[in-house]
Amino acid sequence: MSLSKQDTLAASAPWVAVVLNLVPGLGTGYIYQRRWRAYWITSALSTGWFALGLVLGQGDGAELGAQADPRQQLVGLLGLLLLAGVTAVEAGIAARRARQA
């Protein structure tokens, strides 16, 4: 007997999904919940954010081994922290809703 997607989500602990999405910040809580679409969207967003930083950082004229601009590093970090926070809250809400249903 296989579980439905809703049953699998309801069986997952909301706090585990939240912690897994917060700590690495890459949507690993979605893997725990077996929510593959949400995981791939999160992975695409974080990869896109990283790639955007690389593209925008090339115009600085920085040479290999030179110190990066602290403002760019802060923007990159804040973006990834925002993504981790949003996915953590969403994973917790989804698990709670599945348990109530």
C-alpha atoms as a PDB file:
ATOM      1  CA  MET A   1       0.000   0.000   0.000  1.00  0.00           C
ATOM      2  CA  SER A   2       1.485   3.325  -1.000  1.00  0.00           C
ATOM      3  CA  LEU A   3       0.794   6.628   0.690  1.00  0.00           C
ATOM      4  CA  SER A   4      -0.684   9.569  -1.158  1.00  0.00           C
ATOM      5  CA  LYS A   5       1.238  12.823  -1.421  1.00  0.00           C
ATOM      6  CA  GLN A   6      -1.030  14.332   1.233  1.00  0.00           C
ATOM      7  CA  ASP A   7      -0.441  11.397   3.610  1.00  0.00           C
ATOM      8  CA  THR A   8       3.326  11.639   3.158  1.00  0.00           C
ATOM      9  CA  LEU A   9       3.259  15.364   3.818  1.00  0.00           C
ATOM     10  CA  ALA A  10       1.041  14.907   6.874  1.00  0.00           C
ATOM     11  CA  ALA A  11       3.416  12.275   8.247  1.00  0.00           C
ATOM     12  CA  SER A  12       6.374  14.664   8.119  1.00  0.00           C
ATOM     13  CA  ALA A  13       7.217  16.704  11.185  1.00  0.00           C
ATOM     14  CA  PRO A  14       6.812  20.429  10.424  1.00  0.00           C
ATOM     15  CA  TRP A  15       9.779  21.425  12.586  1.00  0.00           C
ATOM     16  CA  VAL A  16      12.132  19.077  10.733  1.00  0.00           C
ATOM     17  CA  ALA A  17      11.131  20.549   7.375  1.00  0.00           C
ATOM     18  CA  VAL A  18      11.603  24.073   8.738  1.00  0.00           C
ATOM     19  CA  VAL A  19      15.064  23.329  10.152  1.00  0.00           C
ATOM     20  CA  LEU A  20      16.189  21.549   6.988  1.00  0.00           C
ATOM     21  CA  ASN A  21      15.112  24.512   4.874  1.00  0.00           C
ATOM     22  CA  LEU A  22      16.743  27.044   7.190  1.00  0.00           C
ATOM     23  CA  VAL A  23      20.120  25.508   7.921  1.00  0.00           C
ATOM     24  CA  PRO A  24      21.480  24.754   4.452  1.00  0.00           C
ATOM     25  CA  GLY A  25      19.025  27.181   2.856  1.00  0.00           C
ATOM     26  CA  LEU A  26      18.684  25.095  -0.271  1.00  0.00           C
ATOM     27  CA  GLY A  27      15.255  23.549   0.177  1.00  0.00           C
ATOM     28  CA  THR A  28      16.361  20.238   1.664  1.00  0.00           C
ATOM     29  CA  GLY A  29      13.236  20.263   3.831  1.00  0.00           C
ATOM     30  CA  TYR A  30      11.299  19.730   0.622  1.00  0.00           C
ATOM     31  CA  ILE A  31      13.255  16.537  -0.007  1.00  0.00           C
ATOM     32  CA  TYR A  32      12.280  15.380   3.488  1.00  0.00           C
ATOM     33  CA  GLN A  33       8.650  16.133   2.625  1.00  0.00           C
ATOM     34  CA  ARG A  34       9.048  14.558  -0.828  1.00  0.00           C
ATOM     35  CA  ARG A  35       7.860  17.767  -2.489  1.00  0.00           C
ATOM     36  CA  TRP A  36      10.032  17.612  -5.588  1.00  0.00           C
ATOM     37  CA  ARG A  37       8.521  20.527  -7.496  1.00  0.00           C
ATOM     38  CA  ALA A  38       9.083  22.904  -4.569  1.00  0.00           C
ATOM     39  CA  TYR A  39      12.631  21.602  -4.180  1.00  0.00           C
ATOM     40  CA  TRP A  40      13.510  22.145  -7.846  1.00  0.00           C
ATOM     41  CA  ILE A  41      11.988  25.628  -7.828  1.00  0.00           C
ATOM     42  CA  THR A  42      14.033  26.517  -4.755  1.00  0.00           C
ATOM     43  CA  SER A  43      17.176  25.047  -6.326  1.00  0.00           C
ATOM     44  CA  ALA A  44      16.591  27.028  -9.515  1.00  0.00           C
ATOM     45  CA  LEU A  45      16.059  30.245  -7.558  1.00  0.00           C
ATOM     46  CA  SER A  46      19.204  29.819  -5.456  1.00  0.00           C
ATOM     47  CA  THR A  47      21.265  28.872  -8.515  1.00  0.00           C
ATOM     48  CA  GLY A  48      19.856  31.847 -10.399  1.00  0.00           C
ATOM     49  CA  TRP A  49      20.677  34.178  -7.517  1.00  0.00           C
ATOM     50  CA  PHE A  50      24.244  32.850  -7.430  1.00  0.00           C
ATOM     51  CA  ALA A  51      24.622  33.168 -11.220  1.00  0.00           C
ATOM     52  CA  LEU A  52      23.226  36.708 -11.150  1.00  0.00           C
ATOM     53  CA  GLY A  53      25.824  37.625  -8.539  1.00  0.00           C
ATOM     54  CA  LEU A  54      28.580  36.213 -10.721  1.00  0.00           C
ATOM     55  CA  VAL A  55      27.386  38.100 -13.789  1.00  0.00           C
ATOM     56  CA  LEU A  56      26.944  41.385 -11.947  1.00  0.00           C
ATOM     57  CA  GLY A  57      30.261  40.981 -10.149  1.00  0.00           C
ATOM     58  CA  GLN A  58      32.251  40.645 -13.367  1.00  0.00           C
ATOM     59  CA  GLY A  59      31.812  44.326 -14.187  1.00  0.00           C
ATOM     60  CA  ASP A  60      33.806  45.366 -11.121  1.00  0.00           C
ATOM     61  CA  GLY A  61      37.165  44.833 -12.789  1.00  0.00           C
ATOM     62  CA  ALA A  62      38.283  42.692  -9.859  1.00  0.00           C
ATOM     63  CA  GLU A  63      41.248  40.488 -10.571  1.00  0.00           C
ATOM     64  CA  LEU A  64      41.551  36.888  -9.535  1.00  0.00           C
ATOM     65  CA  GLY A  65      42.295  36.717  -5.825  1.00  0.00           C
ATOM     66  CA  ALA A  66      41.173  40.281  -5.153  1.00  0.00           C
ATOM     67  CA  GLN A  67      38.788  41.022  -2.310  1.00  0.00           C
ATOM     68  CA  ALA A  68      35.116  41.077  -3.289  1.00  0.00           C
ATOM     69  CA  ASP A  69      32.978  44.099  -2.543  1.00  0.00           C
ATOM     70  CA  PRO A  70      31.436  43.592   0.931  1.00  0.00           C
ATOM     71  CA  ARG A  71      28.150  45.126  -0.268  1.00  0.00           C
ATOM     72  CA  GLN A  72      27.815  42.498  -2.975  1.00  0.00           C
ATOM     73  CA  GLN A  73      28.568  39.767  -0.486  1.00  0.00           C
ATOM     74  CA  LEU A  74      25.926  41.160   1.857  1.00  0.00           C
ATOM     75  CA  VAL A  75      23.308  41.347  -0.906  1.00  0.00           C
ATOM     76  CA  GLY A  76      24.097  37.748  -1.906  1.00  0.00           C
ATOM     77  CA  LEU A  77      23.875  36.520   1.668  1.00  0.00           C
ATOM     78  CA  LEU A  78      20.656  38.408   2.385  1.00  0.00           C
ATOM     79  CA  GLY A  79      19.073  37.012  -0.766  1.00  0.00           C
ATOM     80  CA  LEU A  80      19.878  33.440   0.199  1.00  0.00           C
ATOM     81  CA  LEU A  81      18.730  34.030   3.788  1.00  0.00           C
ATOM     82  CA  LEU A  82      15.450  35.450   2.497  1.00  0.00           C
ATOM     83  CA  LEU A  83      14.980  32.407   0.267  1.00  0.00           C
ATOM     84  CA  ALA A  84      15.732  30.088   3.205  1.00  0.00           C
ATOM     85  CA  GLY A  85      13.296  31.952   5.471  1.00  0.00           C
ATOM     86  CA  VAL A  86      10.465  31.923   2.946  1.00  0.00           C
ATOM     87  CA  THR A  87      10.893  28.239   2.110  1.00  0.00           C
ATOM     88  CA  ALA A  88      11.117  27.307   5.796  1.00  0.00           C
ATOM     89  CA  VAL A  89       7.871  29.092   6.633  1.00  0.00           C
ATOM     90  CA  GLU A  90       6.132  27.624   3.577  1.00  0.00           C
ATOM     91  CA  ALA A  91       7.280  24.073   4.398  1.00  0.00           C
ATOM     92  CA  GLY A  92       6.027  24.391   7.970  1.00  0.00           C
ATOM     93  CA  ILE A  93       2.651  25.772   6.885  1.00  0.00           C
ATOM     94  CA  ALA A  94       2.221  23.046   4.262  1.00  0.00           C
ATOM     95  CA  ALA A  95       2.955  20.298   6.795  1.00  0.00           C
ATOM     96  CA  ARG A  96       0.537  21.780   9.350  1.00  0.00           C
ATOM     97  CA  ARG A  97      -2.227  22.112   6.747  1.00  0.00           C
ATOM     98  CA  ALA A  98      -1.719  18.515   5.650  1.00  0.00           C
ATOM     99  CA  ARG A  99      -2.010  17.333   9.241  1.00  0.00           C
ATOM    100  CA  GLN A 100      -5.244  19.247   9.757  1.00  0.00           C
ATOM    101  CA  ALA A 101      -6.814  17.854   6.598  1.00  0.00           C
END
